[in-house]
C-alpha atoms as a PDB file:
ATOM      1  CA  UNK A   1      14.135   8.487 -16.201  1.00  0.00           C
ATOM      2  CA  UNK A   2      16.010  10.744 -13.811  1.00  0.00           C
ATOM      3  CA  UNK A   3      16.129  14.438 -14.707  1.00  0.00           C
ATOM      4  CA  UNK A   4      19.312  15.569 -12.984  1.00  0.00           C
ATOM      5  CA  UNK A   5      22.491  17.113 -14.318  1.00  0.00           C
ATOM      6  CA  UNK A   6      25.499  16.124 -12.256  1.00  0.00           C
ATOM      7  CA  UNK A   7      28.471  18.342 -11.542  1.00  0.00           C
ATOM      8  CA  UNK A   8      31.078  18.524  -8.801  1.00  0.00           C
ATOM      9  CA  UNK A   9      28.910  20.778  -6.578  1.00  0.00           C
ATOM     10  CA  UNK A  10      25.409  19.313  -6.428  1.00  0.00           C
ATOM     11  CA  UNK A  11      25.840  16.381  -4.034  1.00  0.00           C
ATOM     12  CA  UNK A  12      22.851  17.478  -1.856  1.00  0.00           C
ATOM     13  CA  UNK A  13      20.636  17.673  -4.951  1.00  0.00           C
ATOM     14  CA  UNK A  14      21.829  14.183  -5.942  1.00  0.00           C
ATOM     15  CA  UNK A  15      21.066  12.823  -2.473  1.00  0.00           C
ATOM     16  CA  UNK A  16      17.591  14.415  -2.454  1.00  0.00           C
ATOM     17  CA  UNK A  17      16.796  12.967  -5.895  1.00  0.00           C
ATOM     18  CA  UNK A  18      17.852   9.467  -4.756  1.00  0.00           C
ATOM     19  CA  UNK A  19      15.747   9.704  -1.598  1.00  0.00           C
ATOM     20  CA  UNK A  20      12.720  10.879  -3.576  1.00  0.00           C
ATOM     21  CA  UNK A  21      12.990   7.979  -6.024  1.00  0.00           C
ATOM     22  CA  UNK A  22      13.734   5.325  -3.362  1.00  0.00           C
ATOM     23  CA  UNK A  23      10.862   6.560  -1.232  1.00  0.00           C
ATOM     24  CA  UNK A  24       8.394   5.475  -3.939  1.00  0.00           C
ATOM     25  CA  UNK A  25       8.976   1.706  -3.507  1.00  0.00           C
ATOM     26  CA  UNK A  26       8.892   2.153   0.294  1.00  0.00           C
ATOM     27  CA  UNK A  27       5.510   3.920   0.135  1.00  0.00           C
ATOM     28  CA  UNK A  28       4.201   1.191  -2.178  1.00  0.00           C
ATOM     29  CA  UNK A  29       5.474  -1.471   0.246  1.00  0.00           C
ATOM     30  CA  UNK A  30       3.678   0.271   3.130  1.00  0.00           C
ATOM     31  CA  UNK A  31       0.404   0.111   1.183  1.00  0.00           C
ATOM     32  CA  UNK A  32       1.054  -3.562   0.372  1.00  0.00           C
ATOM     33  CA  UNK A  33       1.673  -4.366   4.052  1.00  0.00           C
ATOM     34  CA  UNK A  34      -1.736  -2.988   5.017  1.00  0.00           C
ATOM     35  CA  UNK A  35      -3.448  -5.434   2.656  1.00  0.00           C
ATOM     36  CA  UNK A  36      -1.766  -8.471   4.253  1.00  0.00           C
ATOM     37  CA  UNK A  37      -4.178  -9.694   6.881  1.00  0.00           C
ATOM     38  CA  UNK A  38      -3.007 -10.224  10.407  1.00  0.00           C
ATOM     39  CA  UNK A  39      -5.161 -11.197  13.356  1.00  0.00           C
ATOM     40  CA  UNK A  40      -6.841  -7.755  13.429  1.00  0.00           C
ATOM     41  CA  UNK A  41      -9.535  -6.415  11.140  1.00  0.00           C
ATOM     42  CA  UNK A  42      -8.611  -3.308   9.177  1.00  0.00           C
ATOM     43  CA  UNK A  43     -10.716  -1.440   6.590  1.00  0.00           C
ATOM     44  CA  UNK A  44      -7.748  -1.463   4.205  1.00  0.00           C
ATOM     45  CA  UNK A  45      -8.256  -5.223   3.772  1.00  0.00           C
ATOM     46  CA  UNK A  46     -11.287  -4.582   1.577  1.00  0.00           C
ATOM     47  CA  UNK A  47     -11.340  -0.889   0.654  1.00  0.00           C
ATOM     48  CA  UNK A  48      -9.617  -1.302  -2.721  1.00  0.00           C
ATOM     49  CA  UNK A  49     -11.748  -4.281  -3.745  1.00  0.00           C
ATOM     50  CA  UNK A  50     -13.362  -3.747  -7.165  1.00  0.00           C
ATOM     51  CA  UNK A  51     -17.158  -3.731  -7.121  1.00  0.00           C
ATOM     52  CA  UNK A  52     -19.172  -3.959 -10.349  1.00  0.00           C
ATOM     53  CA  UNK A  53     -22.349  -1.972  -9.778  1.00  0.00           C
ATOM     54  CA  UNK A  54     -24.954   0.090 -11.629  1.00  0.00           C
ATOM     55  CA  UNK A  55     -24.893  -2.239 -14.616  1.00  0.00           C
ATOM     56  CA  UNK A  56     -21.228  -2.508 -15.516  1.00  0.00           C
ATOM     57  CA  UNK A  57     -19.463   0.335 -13.702  1.00  0.00           C
ATOM     58  CA  UNK A  58     -16.413  -0.809 -11.705  1.00  0.00           C
ATOM     59  CA  UNK A  59     -15.706   1.121  -8.526  1.00  0.00           C
ATOM     60  CA  UNK A  60     -13.518   0.605  -5.481  1.00  0.00           C
ATOM     61  CA  UNK A  61     -15.420  -0.505  -2.386  1.00  0.00           C
ATOM     62  CA  UNK A  62     -14.374   2.615  -0.480  1.00  0.00           C
ATOM     63  CA  UNK A  63     -16.068   4.727  -3.176  1.00  0.00           C
ATOM     64  CA  UNK A  64     -19.410   2.946  -2.668  1.00  0.00           C
ATOM     65  CA  UNK A  65     -19.624   2.492   1.107  1.00  0.00           C
ATOM     66  CA  UNK A  66     -18.289   3.457   4.502  1.00  0.00           C
ATOM     67  CA  UNK A  67     -16.013   0.795   5.985  1.00  0.00           C
ATOM     68  CA  UNK A  68     -15.187   0.415   9.659  1.00  0.00           C
ATOM     69  CA  UNK A  69     -13.610  -2.107  11.998  1.00  0.00           C
ATOM     70  CA  UNK A  70     -15.463  -1.706  15.326  1.00  0.00           C
ATOM     71  CA  UNK A  71     -13.969  -4.888  16.808  1.00  0.00           C
ATOM     72  CA  UNK A  72     -10.712  -6.786  16.431  1.00  0.00           C
ATOM     73  CA  UNK A  73     -12.158  -9.383  14.031  1.00  0.00           C
ATOM     74  CA  UNK A  74     -15.141  -7.523  12.535  1.00  0.00           C
ATOM     75  CA  UNK A  75     -15.432  -5.287   9.475  1.00  0.00           C
ATOM     76  CA  UNK A  76     -18.686  -3.444   8.855  1.00  0.00           C
ATOM     77  CA  UNK A  77     -19.544  -2.113   5.398  1.00  0.00           C
ATOM     78  CA  UNK A  78     -22.467   0.282   5.005  1.00  0.00           C
ATOM     79  CA  UNK A  79     -23.198   1.254   1.396  1.00  0.00           C
ATOM     80  CA  UNK A  80     -24.254   4.809   0.693  1.00  0.00           C
ATOM     81  CA  UNK A  81     -26.763   3.475  -1.834  1.00  0.00           C
ATOM     82  CA  UNK A  82     -28.657   0.355  -0.622  1.00  0.00           C
ATOM     83  CA  UNK A  83     -29.058  -0.707  -4.267  1.00  0.00           C
ATOM     84  CA  UNK A  84     -25.384  -1.754  -4.437  1.00  0.00           C
ATOM     85  CA  UNK A  85     -25.519  -3.966  -1.331  1.00  0.00           C
ATOM     86  CA  UNK A  86     -25.843  -7.184  -3.364  1.00  0.00           C
ATOM     87  CA  UNK A  87     -23.026  -6.059  -5.709  1.00  0.00           C
ATOM     88  CA  UNK A  88     -20.707  -5.443  -2.757  1.00  0.00           C
ATOM     89  CA  UNK A  89     -21.588  -8.821  -1.264  1.00  0.00           C
ATOM     90  CA  UNK A  90     -20.844 -10.545  -4.602  1.00  0.00           C
ATOM     91  CA  UNK A  91     -17.469  -8.773  -4.902  1.00  0.00           C
ATOM     92  CA  UNK A  92     -16.536  -9.865  -1.378  1.00  0.00           C
ATOM     93  CA  UNK A  93     -17.524 -13.494  -2.008  1.00  0.00           C
ATOM     94  CA  UNK A  94     -15.580 -13.607  -5.291  1.00  0.00           C
ATOM     95  CA  UNK A  95     -12.452 -12.013  -3.806  1.00  0.00           C
ATOM     96  CA  UNK A  96      -9.420 -14.092  -2.837  1.00  0.00           C
ATOM     97  CA  UNK A  97      -9.696 -13.002   0.796  1.00  0.00           C
ATOM     98  CA  UNK A  98     -11.444 -16.191   1.877  1.00  0.00           C
ATOM     99  CA  UNK A  99     -14.189 -14.361   3.760  1.00  0.00           C
ATOM    100  CA  UNK A 100     -17.949 -14.883   3.964  1.00  0.00           C
ATOM    101  CA  UNK A 101     -19.897 -11.626   4.218  1.00  0.00           C
ATOM    102  CA  UNK A 102     -23.177 -11.514   6.161  1.00  0.00           C
ATOM    103  CA  UNK A 103     -25.789  -9.264   4.558  1.00  0.00           C
ATOM    104  CA  UNK A 104     -28.596  -8.102   6.854  1.00  0.00           C
ATOM    105  CA  UNK A 105     -30.322  -5.931   4.252  1.00  0.00           C
ATOM    106  CA  UNK A 106     -28.807  -2.643   5.455  1.00  0.00           C
ATOM    107  CA  UNK A 107     -25.128  -3.415   5.892  1.00  0.00           C
ATOM    108  CA  UNK A 108     -22.587  -6.168   5.496  1.00  0.00           C
ATOM    109  CA  UNK A 109     -20.645  -7.672   8.362  1.00  0.00           C
ATOM    110  CA  UNK A 110     -17.482  -9.647   7.845  1.00  0.00           C
ATOM    111  CA  UNK A 111     -16.346 -11.725  10.807  1.00  0.00           C
ATOM    112  CA  UNK A 112     -12.747 -12.639  10.182  1.00  0.00           C
ATOM    113  CA  UNK A 113     -11.889 -16.176  11.229  1.00  0.00           C
ATOM    114  CA  UNK A 114      -8.862 -17.000  13.308  1.00  0.00           C
ATOM    115  CA  UNK A 115      -5.883 -17.469  11.041  1.00  0.00           C
ATOM    116  CA  UNK A 116      -4.605 -21.051  10.916  1.00  0.00           C
ATOM    117  CA  UNK A 117      -0.884 -21.696  11.279  1.00  0.00           C
ATOM    118  CA  UNK A 118      -0.746 -22.869   7.637  1.00  0.00           C
ATOM    119  CA  UNK A 119      -2.341 -19.564   6.521  1.00  0.00           C
ATOM    120  CA  UNK A 120       0.106 -17.627   8.714  1.00  0.00           C
ATOM    121  CA  UNK A 121       3.001 -19.433   7.002  1.00  0.00           C
ATOM    122  CA  UNK A 122       1.465 -18.613   3.622  1.00  0.00           C
ATOM    123  CA  UNK A 123       1.133 -14.932   4.613  1.00  0.00           C
ATOM    124  CA  UNK A 124       4.785 -14.871   5.710  1.00  0.00           C
ATOM    125  CA  UNK A 125       5.751 -16.204   2.251  1.00  0.00           C
ATOM    126  CA  UNK A 126       3.619 -13.531   0.553  1.00  0.00           C
ATOM    127  CA  UNK A 127       5.284 -10.935   2.779  1.00  0.00           C
ATOM    128  CA  UNK A 128       8.724 -12.247   1.775  1.00  0.00           C
ATOM    129  CA  UNK A 129       7.840 -11.941  -1.911  1.00  0.00           C
ATOM    130  CA  UNK A 130       6.592  -8.358  -1.459  1.00  0.00           C
ATOM    131  CA  UNK A 131       9.789  -7.513   0.455  1.00  0.00           C
ATOM    132  CA  UNK A 132      11.926  -8.944  -2.346  1.00  0.00           C
ATOM    133  CA  UNK A 133       9.937  -6.945  -4.936  1.00  0.00           C
ATOM    134  CA  UNK A 134      10.630  -3.802  -2.890  1.00  0.00           C
ATOM    135  CA  UNK A 135      14.349  -4.616  -2.684  1.00  0.00           C
ATOM    136  CA  UNK A 136      14.424  -5.089  -6.467  1.00  0.00           C
ATOM    137  CA  UNK A 137      12.671  -1.749  -7.006  1.00  0.00           C
ATOM    138  CA  UNK A 138      15.186   0.011  -4.748  1.00  0.00           C
ATOM    139  CA  UNK A 139      18.088  -1.671  -6.552  1.00  0.00           C
ATOM    140  CA  UNK A 140      16.637  -0.579  -9.902  1.00  0.00           C
ATOM    141  CA  UNK A 141      16.650   3.018  -8.667  1.00  0.00           C
ATOM    142  CA  UNK A 142      20.275   2.497  -7.596  1.00  0.00           C
ATOM    143  CA  UNK A 143      21.113   1.162 -11.055  1.00  0.00           C
ATOM    144  CA  UNK A 144      19.537   4.201 -12.754  1.00  0.00           C
ATOM    145  CA  UNK A 145      21.505   6.624 -10.553  1.00  0.00           C
ATOM    146  CA  UNK A 146      24.680   4.578 -10.961  1.00  0.00           C
ATOM    147  CA  UNK A 147      24.295   4.832 -14.748  1.00  0.00           C
ATOM    148  CA  UNK A 148      23.783   8.593 -14.383  1.00  0.00           C
ATOM    149  CA  UNK A 149      27.010   8.884 -12.357  1.00  0.00           C
ATOM    150  CA  UNK A 150      28.920   6.705 -14.826  1.00  0.00           C
ATOM    151  CA  UNK A 151      27.646   8.659 -17.839  1.00  0.00           C
ATOM    152  CA  UNK A 152      28.452  11.982 -16.143  1.00  0.00           C
ATOM    153  CA  UNK A 153      31.960  10.760 -15.406  1.00  0.00           C
ATOM    154  CA  UNK A 154      32.447   9.586 -19.003  1.00  0.00           C
ATOM    155  CA  UNK A 155      31.166  12.955 -20.235  1.00  0.00           C
ATOM    156  CA  UNK A 156      33.669  14.703 -17.938  1.00  0.00           C
ATOM    157  CA  UNK A 157      30.854  16.482 -16.038  1.00  0.00           C
ATOM    158  CA  UNK A 158      32.192  15.065 -12.751  1.00  0.00           C
ATOM    159  CA  UNK A 159      35.666  14.119 -11.655  1.00  0.00           C
ATOM    160  CA  UNK A 160      36.627  10.535 -10.822  1.00  0.00           C
ATOM    161  CA  UNK A 161      36.876  11.347  -7.094  1.00  0.00           C
ATOM    162  CA  UNK A 162      33.479  13.029  -7.076  1.00  0.00           C
ATOM    163  CA  UNK A 163      31.955  10.101  -8.992  1.00  0.00           C
ATOM    164  CA  UNK A 164      33.354   7.735  -6.343  1.00  0.00           C
ATOM    165  CA  UNK A 165      31.850   9.903  -3.558  1.00  0.00           C
ATOM    166  CA  UNK A 166      28.486   9.902  -5.360  1.00  0.00           C
ATOM    167  CA  UNK A 167      28.642   6.115  -5.815  1.00  0.00           C
ATOM    168  CA  UNK A 168      29.462   5.633  -2.121  1.00  0.00           C
ATOM    169  CA  UNK A 169      26.545   7.894  -1.148  1.00  0.00           C
ATOM    170  CA  UNK A 170      24.279   5.986  -3.528  1.00  0.00           C
ATOM    171  CA  UNK A 171      25.246   2.642  -1.971  1.00  0.00           C
ATOM    172  CA  UNK A 172      24.785   4.001   1.566  1.00  0.00           C
ATOM    173  CA  UNK A 173      21.290   5.288   0.734  1.00  0.00           C
ATOM    174  CA  UNK A 174      20.413   2.002  -1.000  1.00  0.00           C
ATOM    175  CA  UNK A 175      21.452   0.054   2.098  1.00  0.00           C
ATOM    176  CA  UNK A 176      19.454   2.431   4.337  1.00  0.00           C
ATOM    177  CA  UNK A 177      16.275   2.074   2.282  1.00  0.00           C
ATOM    178  CA  UNK A 178      16.570  -1.709   2.057  1.00  0.00           C
ATOM    179  CA  UNK A 179      17.077  -1.817   5.833  1.00  0.00           C
ATOM    180  CA  UNK A 180      13.910   0.291   6.283  1.00  0.00           C
ATOM    181  CA  UNK A 181      11.931  -2.161   4.146  1.00  0.00           C
ATOM    182  CA  UNK A 182      13.358  -5.127   6.076  1.00  0.00           C
ATOM    183  CA  UNK A 183      12.470  -3.504   9.406  1.00  0.00           C
ATOM    184  CA  UNK A 184       8.893  -2.904   8.225  1.00  0.00           C
ATOM    185  CA  UNK A 185       8.701  -6.503   7.006  1.00  0.00           C
ATOM    186  CA  UNK A 186      10.025  -7.895  10.297  1.00  0.00           C
ATOM    187  CA  UNK A 187       7.410  -5.930  12.253  1.00  0.00           C
ATOM    188  CA  UNK A 188       4.631  -7.200   9.971  1.00  0.00           C
ATOM    189  CA  UNK A 189       5.913 -10.787  10.229  1.00  0.00           C
ATOM    190  CA  UNK A 190       5.853 -10.523  14.010  1.00  0.00           C
ATOM    191  CA  UNK A 191       2.257  -9.229  13.770  1.00  0.00           C
ATOM    192  CA  UNK A 192       1.289 -12.136  11.479  1.00  0.00           C
ATOM    193  CA  UNK A 193       2.827 -14.759  13.757  1.00  0.00           C
ATOM    194  CA  UNK A 194       1.347 -13.397  16.982  1.00  0.00           C
ATOM    195  CA  UNK A 195      -1.829 -15.307  17.833  1.00  0.00           C
END
């Protein structure tokens, strides 16, 4: 919940609080975009993959190995402990990434196949869903701040004119943040569709 007391003077504080809260879904969306595979290899595709190693300990792949993308369609994973190599390979095979890792005994290479047009269409749909989730998150932040403005107006902490100004500012910021998310999505879609 938002910890902010509204009055007729603190419009900058209100704006800063909105931006801070709306920035959270944008940052999350940025992280989500990295995980959507385009034609290029990127360590972020696999770094958060869960690996069960050392018996039954679950760790993220980036905590067990160094990950690099030396070529456009190649990811190289070198575990810090060779004993977890088989565990990493198993986690990669069982993931929903549709990749086949090649284990040479010291490191794992993942050659990413060309993306088919059907897979590109599927990725665009996934992107659209993630964009809509981000829009919903931003609108939920707007709703919380709108309720704060309404409650402050009912409690006579802010005047009707000031409440209207705050609501207008809130809508403007909401539109700006949604536009940012849409711009990021459009750039990623273009990246997905480029062969």
